[in-house]
Amino acid sequence: MEPYKLSLAEASRMIRDGSLTPTRLAESLLDRIDKLEPVVEAWVTVDPEAAMEAAEAATREAEEGRIRSPLHGVPFGVKDIYYTEGMRTT
């Protein structure tokens, strides 16, 4: 199964048990956004570089046994009505 199809609970569990890395999850989600965004137009801004940097850091921590929370390594979107440095706010 492609990681983008996982539920939040499934992705979280798989990251914790080591069967999925945050990096692989982020890659899958970013690939899905690339494919669907031209049609769906759901995102104002996507920052793949920052997403991958965060995913790689979370992967390193997970590999070292440092799971910081139940959502460790699970990507999330920030609604564009909130000011986020370096991102467009609508």
PDB file of N, CA and C in Angstrom:
ATOM      1  N   MET A   1       0.844  -1.180   0.000  1.00  0.00           N
ATOM      2  CA  MET A   1       0.000   0.000   0.000  1.00  0.00           C
ATOM      3  C   MET A   1       0.888   1.242   0.000  1.00  0.00           C
ATOM      4  N   GLU A   2       0.471   2.227  -0.759  1.00  0.00           N
ATOM      5  CA  GLU A   2       1.192   3.502  -0.766  1.00  0.00           C
ATOM      6  C   GLU A   2       0.971   4.214   0.576  1.00  0.00           C
ATOM      7  N   PRO A   3       2.010   4.775   1.163  1.00  0.00           N
ATOM      8  CA  PRO A   3       1.865   5.448   2.453  1.00  0.00           C
ATOM      9  C   PRO A   3       0.813   6.557   2.475  1.00  0.00           C
ATOM     10  N   TYR A   4       0.577   7.254   1.350  1.00  0.00           N
ATOM     11  CA  TYR A   4      -0.422   8.327   1.364  1.00  0.00           C
ATOM     12  C   TYR A   4      -1.826   7.799   1.645  1.00  0.00           C
ATOM     13  N   LYS A   5      -2.045   6.503   1.491  1.00  0.00           N
ATOM     14  CA  LYS A   5      -3.362   5.911   1.741  1.00  0.00           C
ATOM     15  C   LYS A   5      -3.585   5.542   3.206  1.00  0.00           C
ATOM     16  N   LEU A   6      -2.550   5.623   4.019  1.00  0.00           N
ATOM     17  CA  LEU A   6      -2.660   5.250   5.428  1.00  0.00           C
ATOM     18  C   LEU A   6      -3.474   6.268   6.210  1.00  0.00           C
ATOM     19  N   SER A   7      -4.171   5.790   7.232  1.00  0.00           N
ATOM     20  CA  SER A   7      -4.821   6.709   8.164  1.00  0.00           C
ATOM     21  C   SER A   7      -3.745   7.314   9.066  1.00  0.00           C
ATOM     22  N   LEU A   8      -4.108   8.348   9.782  1.00  0.00           N
ATOM     23  CA  LEU A   8      -3.183   8.962  10.733  1.00  0.00           C
ATOM     24  C   LEU A   8      -2.713   7.935  11.753  1.00  0.00           C
ATOM     25  N   ALA A   9      -3.642   7.154  12.295  1.00  0.00           N
ATOM     26  CA  ALA A   9      -3.290   6.142  13.297  1.00  0.00           C
ATOM     27  C   ALA A   9      -2.352   5.088  12.716  1.00  0.00           C
ATOM     28  N   GLU A  10      -2.618   4.646  11.492  1.00  0.00           N
ATOM     29  CA  GLU A  10      -1.758   3.642  10.859  1.00  0.00           C
ATOM     30  C   GLU A  10      -0.355   4.189  10.622  1.00  0.00           C
ATOM     31  N   ALA A  11      -0.260   5.391  10.086  1.00  0.00           N
ATOM     32  CA  ALA A  11       1.051   5.990   9.823  1.00  0.00           C
ATOM     33  C   ALA A  11       1.831   6.166  11.121  1.00  0.00           C
ATOM     34  N   SER A  12       1.170   6.653  12.147  1.00  0.00           N
ATOM     35  CA  SER A  12       1.819   6.858  13.438  1.00  0.00           C
ATOM     36  C   SER A  12       2.338   5.538  14.006  1.00  0.00           C
ATOM     37  N   ARG A  13       1.515   4.504  13.972  1.00  0.00           N
ATOM     38  CA  ARG A  13       1.913   3.194  14.486  1.00  0.00           C
ATOM     39  C   ARG A  13       3.097   2.638  13.704  1.00  0.00           C
ATOM     40  N   MET A  14       3.042   2.765  12.379  1.00  0.00           N
ATOM     41  CA  MET A  14       4.114   2.219  11.544  1.00  0.00           C
ATOM     42  C   MET A  14       5.430   2.969  11.732  1.00  0.00           C
ATOM     43  N   ILE A  15       5.364   4.263  11.962  1.00  0.00           N
ATOM     44  CA  ILE A  15       6.588   5.019  12.261  1.00  0.00           C
ATOM     45  C   ILE A  15       7.155   4.554  13.595  1.00  0.00           C
ATOM     46  N   ARG A  16       6.284   4.388  14.588  1.00  0.00           N
ATOM     47  CA  ARG A  16       6.752   3.951  15.907  1.00  0.00           C
ATOM     48  C   ARG A  16       7.352   2.546  15.868  1.00  0.00           C
ATOM     49  N   ASP A  17       6.759   1.642  15.054  1.00  0.00           N
ATOM     50  CA  ASP A  17       7.296   0.269  15.032  1.00  0.00           C
ATOM     51  C   ASP A  17       8.422   0.093  14.009  1.00  0.00           C
ATOM     52  N   GLY A  18       8.745   1.159  13.273  1.00  0.00           N
ATOM     53  CA  GLY A  18       9.875   1.129  12.354  1.00  0.00           C
ATOM     54  C   GLY A  18       9.585   0.566  10.974  1.00  0.00           C
ATOM     55  N   SER A  19       8.326   0.245  10.683  1.00  0.00           N
ATOM     56  CA  SER A  19       8.007  -0.306   9.360  1.00  0.00           C
ATOM     57  C   SER A  19       7.775   0.774   8.306  1.00  0.00           C
ATOM     58  N   LEU A  20       7.756   2.029   8.722  1.00  0.00           N
ATOM     59  CA  LEU A  20       7.628   3.173   7.813  1.00  0.00           C
ATOM     60  C   LEU A  20       8.488   4.300   8.359  1.00  0.00           C
ATOM     61  N   THR A  21       9.198   4.979   7.480  1.00  0.00           N
ATOM     62  CA  THR A  21       9.976   6.136   7.932  1.00  0.00           C
ATOM     63  C   THR A  21       9.201   7.414   7.632  1.00  0.00           C
ATOM     64  N   PRO A  22       9.410   8.444   8.429  1.00  0.00           N
ATOM     65  CA  PRO A  22       8.819   9.737   8.107  1.00  0.00           C
ATOM     66  C   PRO A  22       9.238  10.228   6.718  1.00  0.00           C
ATOM     67  N   THR A  23      10.460   9.912   6.310  1.00  0.00           N
ATOM     68  CA  THR A  23      10.927  10.325   4.982  1.00  0.00           C
ATOM     69  C   THR A  23      10.087   9.679   3.890  1.00  0.00           C
ATOM     70  N   ARG A  24       9.844   8.389   3.992  1.00  0.00           N
ATOM     71  CA  ARG A  24       9.039   7.687   2.978  1.00  0.00           C
ATOM     72  C   ARG A  24       7.609   8.207   2.968  1.00  0.00           C
ATOM     73  N   LEU A  25       7.047   8.486   4.135  1.00  0.00           N
ATOM     74  CA  LEU A  25       5.687   9.020   4.213  1.00  0.00           C
ATOM     75  C   LEU A  25       5.619  10.387   3.541  1.00  0.00           C
ATOM     76  N   ALA A  26       6.568  11.254   3.843  1.00  0.00           N
ATOM     77  CA  ALA A  26       6.583  12.593   3.235  1.00  0.00           C
ATOM     78  C   ALA A  26       6.748  12.507   1.723  1.00  0.00           C
ATOM     79  N   GLU A  27       7.632  11.635   1.252  1.00  0.00           N
ATOM     80  CA  GLU A  27       7.811  11.469  -0.198  1.00  0.00           C
ATOM     81  C   GLU A  27       6.504  11.056  -0.869  1.00  0.00           C
ATOM     82  N   SER A  28       5.812  10.115  -0.258  1.00  0.00           N
ATOM     83  CA  SER A  28       4.552   9.630  -0.826  1.00  0.00           C
ATOM     84  C   SER A  28       3.502  10.738  -0.875  1.00  0.00           C
ATOM     85  N   LEU A  29       3.401  11.495   0.203  1.00  0.00           N
ATOM     86  CA  LEU A  29       2.414  12.580   0.252  1.00  0.00           C
ATOM     87  C   LEU A  29       2.760  13.694  -0.734  1.00  0.00           C
ATOM     88  N   LEU A  30       4.030  14.042  -0.829  1.00  0.00           N
ATOM     89  CA  LEU A  30       4.434  15.085  -1.779  1.00  0.00           C
ATOM     90  C   LEU A  30       4.217  14.639  -3.223  1.00  0.00           C
ATOM     91  N   ASP A  31       4.481  13.372  -3.510  1.00  0.00           N
ATOM     92  CA  ASP A  31       4.201  12.851  -4.859  1.00  0.00           C
ATOM     93  C   ASP A  31       2.713  12.950  -5.173  1.00  0.00           C
ATOM     94  N   ARG A  32       1.888  12.625  -4.195  1.00  0.00           N
ATOM     95  CA  ARG A  32       0.434  12.697  -4.383  1.00  0.00           C
ATOM     96  C   ARG A  32      -0.008  14.141  -4.625  1.00  0.00           C
ATOM     97  N   ILE A  33       0.542  15.066  -3.867  1.00  0.00           N
ATOM     98  CA  ILE A  33       0.228  16.485  -4.069  1.00  0.00           C
ATOM     99  C   ILE A  33       0.635  16.910  -5.474  1.00  0.00           C
ATOM    100  N   ASP A  34       1.828  16.515  -5.914  1.00  0.00           N
ATOM    101  CA  ASP A  34       2.291  16.864  -7.269  1.00  0.00           C
ATOM    102  C   ASP A  34       1.322  16.381  -8.339  1.00  0.00           C
ATOM    103  N   LYS A  35       0.787  15.189  -8.150  1.00  0.00           N
ATOM    104  CA  LYS A  35      -0.114  14.614  -9.153  1.00  0.00           C
ATOM    105  C   LYS A  35      -1.491  15.265  -9.154  1.00  0.00           C
ATOM    106  N   LEU A  36      -2.012  15.571  -7.966  1.00  0.00           N
ATOM    107  CA  LEU A  36      -3.400  16.032  -7.868  1.00  0.00           C
ATOM    108  C   LEU A  36      -3.581  17.539  -7.771  1.00  0.00           C
ATOM    109  N   GLU A  37      -2.573  18.251  -7.330  1.00  0.00           N
ATOM    110  CA  GLU A  37      -2.724  19.693  -7.096  1.00  0.00           C
ATOM    111  C   GLU A  37      -3.164  20.477  -8.331  1.00  0.00           C
ATOM    112  N   PRO A  38      -2.682  20.170  -9.530  1.00  0.00           N
ATOM    113  CA  PRO A  38      -3.148  20.938 -10.693  1.00  0.00           C
ATOM    114  C   PRO A  38      -4.664  20.855 -10.903  1.00  0.00           C
ATOM    115  N   VAL A  39      -5.277  19.770 -10.455  1.00  0.00           N
ATOM    116  CA  VAL A  39      -6.725  19.593 -10.609  1.00  0.00           C
ATOM    117  C   VAL A  39      -7.475  20.083  -9.375  1.00  0.00           C
ATOM    118  N   VAL A  40      -6.980  19.699  -8.200  1.00  0.00           N
ATOM    119  CA  VAL A  40      -7.683  19.969  -6.947  1.00  0.00           C
ATOM    120  C   VAL A  40      -7.490  21.406  -6.465  1.00  0.00           C
ATOM    121  N   GLU A  41      -6.296  21.949  -6.641  1.00  0.00           N
ATOM    122  CA  GLU A  41      -5.955  23.297  -6.172  1.00  0.00           C
ATOM    123  C   GLU A  41      -6.299  23.502  -4.692  1.00  0.00           C
ATOM    124  N   ALA A  42      -5.816  22.580  -3.861  1.00  0.00           N
ATOM    125  CA  ALA A  42      -6.109  22.621  -2.428  1.00  0.00           C
ATOM    126  C   ALA A  42      -5.096  23.431  -1.630  1.00  0.00           C
ATOM    127  N   TRP A  43      -3.919  23.661  -2.184  1.00  0.00           N
ATOM    128  CA  TRP A  43      -2.837  24.292  -1.439  1.00  0.00           C
ATOM    129  C   TRP A  43      -2.488  25.650  -2.029  1.00  0.00           C
ATOM    130  N   VAL A  44      -2.283  26.630  -1.155  1.00  0.00           N
ATOM    131  CA  VAL A  44      -1.773  27.932  -1.584  1.00  0.00           C
ATOM    132  C   VAL A  44      -0.259  27.831  -1.748  1.00  0.00           C
ATOM    133  N   THR A  45       0.391  27.191  -0.785  1.00  0.00           N
ATOM    134  CA  THR A  45       1.845  27.049  -0.794  1.00  0.00           C
ATOM    135  C   THR A  45       2.216  25.648  -0.337  1.00  0.00           C
ATOM    136  N   VAL A  46       3.141  25.029  -1.028  1.00  0.00           N
ATOM    137  CA  VAL A  46       3.727  23.754  -0.606  1.00  0.00           C
ATOM    138  C   VAL A  46       5.236  23.962  -0.603  1.00  0.00           C
ATOM    139  N   ASP A  47       5.886  23.574   0.480  1.00  0.00           N
ATOM    140  CA  ASP A  47       7.339  23.730   0.599  1.00  0.00           C
ATOM    141  C   ASP A  47       7.977  22.343   0.723  1.00  0.00           C
ATOM    142  N   PRO A  48       8.196  21.675  -0.407  1.00  0.00           N
ATOM    143  CA  PRO A  48       8.737  20.318  -0.353  1.00  0.00           C
ATOM    144  C   PRO A  48      10.105  20.227   0.320  1.00  0.00           C
ATOM    145  N   GLU A  49      10.935  21.242   0.141  1.00  0.00           N
ATOM    146  CA  GLU A  49      12.268  21.202   0.752  1.00  0.00           C
ATOM    147  C   GLU A  49      12.167  21.186   2.276  1.00  0.00           C
ATOM    148  N   ALA A  50      11.344  22.070   2.829  1.00  0.00           N
ATOM    149  CA  ALA A  50      11.178  22.109   4.284  1.00  0.00           C
ATOM    150  C   ALA A  50      10.527  20.826   4.788  1.00  0.00           C
ATOM    151  N   ALA A  51       9.557  20.316   4.037  1.00  0.00           N
ATOM    152  CA  ALA A  51       8.893  19.070   4.431  1.00  0.00           C
ATOM    153  C   ALA A  51       9.893  17.919   4.483  1.00  0.00           C
ATOM    154  N   MET A  52      10.751  17.832   3.477  1.00  0.00           N
ATOM    155  CA  MET A  52      11.726  16.744   3.449  1.00  0.00           C
ATOM    156  C   MET A  52      12.801  16.920   4.517  1.00  0.00           C
ATOM    157  N   GLU A  53      13.216  18.149   4.787  1.00  0.00           N
ATOM    158  CA  GLU A  53      14.189  18.378   5.866  1.00  0.00           C
ATOM    159  C   GLU A  53      13.617  17.918   7.200  1.00  0.00           C
ATOM    160  N   ALA A  54      12.364  18.276   7.468  1.00  0.00           N
ATOM    161  CA  ALA A  54      11.721  17.870   8.719  1.00  0.00           C
ATOM    162  C   ALA A  54      11.552  16.351   8.773  1.00  0.00           C
ATOM    163  N   ALA A  55      11.168  15.751   7.655  1.00  0.00           N
ATOM    164  CA  ALA A  55      10.981  14.298   7.611  1.00  0.00           C
ATOM    165  C   ALA A  55      12.300  13.567   7.838  1.00  0.00           C
ATOM    166  N   GLU A  56      13.365  14.065   7.234  1.00  0.00           N
ATOM    167  CA  GLU A  56      14.676  13.431   7.409  1.00  0.00           C
ATOM    168  C   GLU A  56      15.151  13.543   8.856  1.00  0.00           C
ATOM    169  N   ALA A  57      14.907  14.681   9.482  1.00  0.00           N
ATOM    170  CA  ALA A  57      15.272  14.845  10.894  1.00  0.00           C
ATOM    171  C   ALA A  57      14.454  13.891  11.764  1.00  0.00           C
ATOM    172  N   ALA A  58      13.156  13.786  11.490  1.00  0.00           N
ATOM    173  CA  ALA A  58      12.295  12.878  12.255  1.00  0.00           C
ATOM    174  C   ALA A  58      12.705  11.423  12.035  1.00  0.00           C
ATOM    175  N   THR A  59      13.127  11.091  10.823  1.00  0.00           N
ATOM    176  CA  THR A  59      13.596   9.728  10.539  1.00  0.00           C
ATOM    177  C   THR A  59      14.847   9.419  11.351  1.00  0.00           C
ATOM    178  N   ARG A  60      15.797  10.343  11.385  1.00  0.00           N
ATOM    179  CA  ARG A  60      17.023  10.126  12.175  1.00  0.00           C
ATOM    180  C   ARG A  60      16.674   9.913  13.648  1.00  0.00           C
ATOM    181  N   GLU A  61      15.782  10.756  14.165  1.00  0.00           N
ATOM    182  CA  GLU A  61      15.391  10.612  15.571  1.00  0.00           C
ATOM    183  C   GLU A  61      14.729   9.260  15.817  1.00  0.00           C
ATOM    184  N   ALA A  62      13.830   8.859  14.936  1.00  0.00           N
ATOM    185  CA  ALA A  62      13.144   7.572  15.098  1.00  0.00           C
ATOM    186  C   ALA A  62      14.146   6.419  15.066  1.00  0.00           C
ATOM    187  N   GLU A  63      15.109   6.493  14.172  1.00  0.00           N
ATOM    188  CA  GLU A  63      16.129   5.442  14.077  1.00  0.00           C
ATOM    189  C   GLU A  63      16.987   5.370  15.334  1.00  0.00           C
ATOM    190  N   GLU A  64      17.091   6.495  16.049  1.00  0.00           N
ATOM    191  CA  GLU A  64      17.846   6.543  17.306  1.00  0.00           C
ATOM    192  C   GLU A  64      16.965   6.211  18.501  1.00  0.00           C
ATOM    193  N   GLY A  65      15.686   5.881  18.248  1.00  0.00           N
ATOM    194  CA  GLY A  65      14.760   5.548  19.327  1.00  0.00           C
ATOM    195  C   GLY A  65      14.181   6.755  20.030  1.00  0.00           C
ATOM    196  N   ARG A  66      14.296   7.914  19.417  1.00  0.00           N
ATOM    197  CA  ARG A  66      13.791   9.143  20.033  1.00  0.00           C
ATOM    198  C   ARG A  66      12.468   9.551  19.379  1.00  0.00           C
ATOM    199  N   ILE A  67      11.406   8.844  19.717  1.00  0.00           N
ATOM    200  CA  ILE A  67      10.064   9.189  19.251  1.00  0.00           C
ATOM    201  C   ILE A  67       9.520  10.209  20.250  1.00  0.00           C
ATOM    202  N   ARG A  68       9.300  11.436  19.795  1.00  0.00           N
ATOM    203  CA  ARG A  68       8.960  12.534  20.699  1.00  0.00           C
ATOM    204  C   ARG A  68       7.484  12.646  21.042  1.00  0.00           C
ATOM    205  N   SER A  69       6.618  12.057  20.225  1.00  0.00           N
ATOM    206  CA  SER A  69       5.181  12.150  20.490  1.00  0.00           C
ATOM    207  C   SER A  69       4.473  11.098  19.649  1.00  0.00           C
ATOM    208  N   PRO A  70       3.185  10.863  19.899  1.00  0.00           N
ATOM    209  CA  PRO A  70       2.442   9.912  19.064  1.00  0.00           C
ATOM    210  C   PRO A  70       2.391  10.323  17.591  1.00  0.00           C
ATOM    211  N   LEU A  71       2.577  11.608  17.306  1.00  0.00           N
ATOM    212  CA  LEU A  71       2.535  12.087  15.925  1.00  0.00           C
ATOM    213  C   LEU A  71       3.928  12.330  15.343  1.00  0.00           C
ATOM    214  N   HIS A  72       4.942  11.819  16.002  1.00  0.00           N
ATOM    215  CA  HIS A  72       6.317  12.009  15.542  1.00  0.00           C
ATOM    216  C   HIS A  72       6.455  11.584  14.086  1.00  0.00           C
ATOM    217  N   GLY A  73       6.917  12.499  13.236  1.00  0.00           N
ATOM    218  CA  GLY A  73       7.184  12.189  11.839  1.00  0.00           C
ATOM    219  C   GLY A  73       5.989  12.212  10.915  1.00  0.00           C
ATOM    220  N   VAL A  74       4.811  12.511  11.445  1.00  0.00           N
ATOM    221  CA  VAL A  74       3.608  12.571  10.608  1.00  0.00           C
ATOM    222  C   VAL A  74       3.461  14.004  10.099  1.00  0.00           C
ATOM    223  N   PRO A  75       3.493  14.212   8.783  1.00  0.00           N
ATOM    224  CA  PRO A  75       3.364  15.571   8.237  1.00  0.00           C
ATOM    225  C   PRO A  75       1.975  16.156   8.484  1.00  0.00           C
ATOM    226  N   PHE A  76       1.918  17.473   8.509  1.00  0.00           N
ATOM    227  CA  PHE A  76       0.629  18.149   8.651  1.00  0.00           C
ATOM    228  C   PHE A  76       0.650  19.429   7.837  1.00  0.00           C
ATOM    229  N   GLY A  77      -0.524  19.899   7.486  1.00  0.00           N
ATOM    230  CA  GLY A  77      -0.653  21.155   6.753  1.00  0.00           C
ATOM    231  C   GLY A  77      -1.063  22.268   7.695  1.00  0.00           C
ATOM    232  N   VAL A  78      -0.571  23.456   7.445  1.00  0.00           N
ATOM    233  CA  VAL A  78      -0.923  24.635   8.237  1.00  0.00           C
ATOM    234  C   VAL A  78      -1.875  25.483   7.403  1.00  0.00           C
ATOM    235  N   LYS A  79      -3.039  25.776   7.944  1.00  0.00           N
ATOM    236  CA  LYS A  79      -4.022  26.584   7.229  1.00  0.00           C
ATOM    237  C   LYS A  79      -3.413  27.943   6.915  1.00  0.00           C
ATOM    238  N   ASP A  80      -3.626  28.409   5.705  1.00  0.00           N
ATOM    239  CA  ASP A  80      -2.970  29.631   5.233  1.00  0.00           C
ATOM    240  C   ASP A  80      -3.538  30.917   5.823  1.00  0.00           C
ATOM    241  N   ILE A  81      -4.490  30.812   6.731  1.00  0.00           N
ATOM    242  CA  ILE A  81      -4.982  32.022   7.405  1.00  0.00           C
ATOM    243  C   ILE A  81      -4.095  32.389   8.592  1.00  0.00           C
ATOM    244  N   TYR A  82      -3.176  31.486   8.963  1.00  0.00           N
ATOM    245  CA  TYR A  82      -2.256  31.749  10.062  1.00  0.00           C
ATOM    246  C   TYR A  82      -0.922  32.216   9.498  1.00  0.00           C
ATOM    247  N   TYR A  83      -0.363  33.245  10.096  1.00  0.00           N
ATOM    248  CA  TYR A  83       0.929  33.739   9.640  1.00  0.00           C
ATOM    249  C   TYR A  83       1.988  32.668   9.882  1.00  0.00           C
ATOM    250  N   THR A  84       2.699  32.334   8.844  1.00  0.00           N
ATOM    251  CA  THR A  84       3.808  31.388   8.910  1.00  0.00           C
ATOM    252  C   THR A  84       4.964  32.028   8.153  1.00  0.00           C
ATOM    253  N   GLU A  85       6.069  32.246   8.841  1.00  0.00           N
ATOM    254  CA  GLU A  85       7.201  32.934   8.222  1.00  0.00           C
ATOM    255  C   GLU A  85       7.605  32.267   6.910  1.00  0.00           C
ATOM    256  N   GLY A  86       7.743  33.085   5.878  1.00  0.00           N
ATOM    257  CA  GLY A  86       8.170  32.603   4.578  1.00  0.00           C
ATOM    258  C   GLY A  86       7.075  31.993   3.722  1.00  0.00           C
ATOM    259  N   MET A  87       5.845  31.987   4.234  1.00  0.00           N
ATOM    260  CA  MET A  87       4.721  31.408   3.494  1.00  0.00           C
ATOM    261  C   MET A  87       3.665  32.474   3.235  1.00  0.00           C
ATOM    262  N   ARG A  88       2.943  32.305   2.149  1.00  0.00           N
ATOM    263  CA  ARG A  88       1.866  33.227   1.797  1.00  0.00           C
ATOM    264  C   ARG A  88       0.697  33.059   2.768  1.00  0.00           C
ATOM    265  N   THR A  89       0.148  34.161   3.232  1.00  0.00           N
ATOM    266  CA  THR A  89      -1.029  34.152   4.099  1.00  0.00           C
ATOM    267  C   THR A  89      -2.179  34.765   3.324  1.00  0.00           C
ATOM    268  N   THR A  90      -3.338  34.116   3.386  1.00  0.00           N
ATOM    269  CA  THR A  90      -4.492  34.634   2.642  1.00  0.00           C
ATOM    270  C   THR A  90      -5.555  35.161   3.576  1.00  0.00           C
TER     271      THR A  90
END
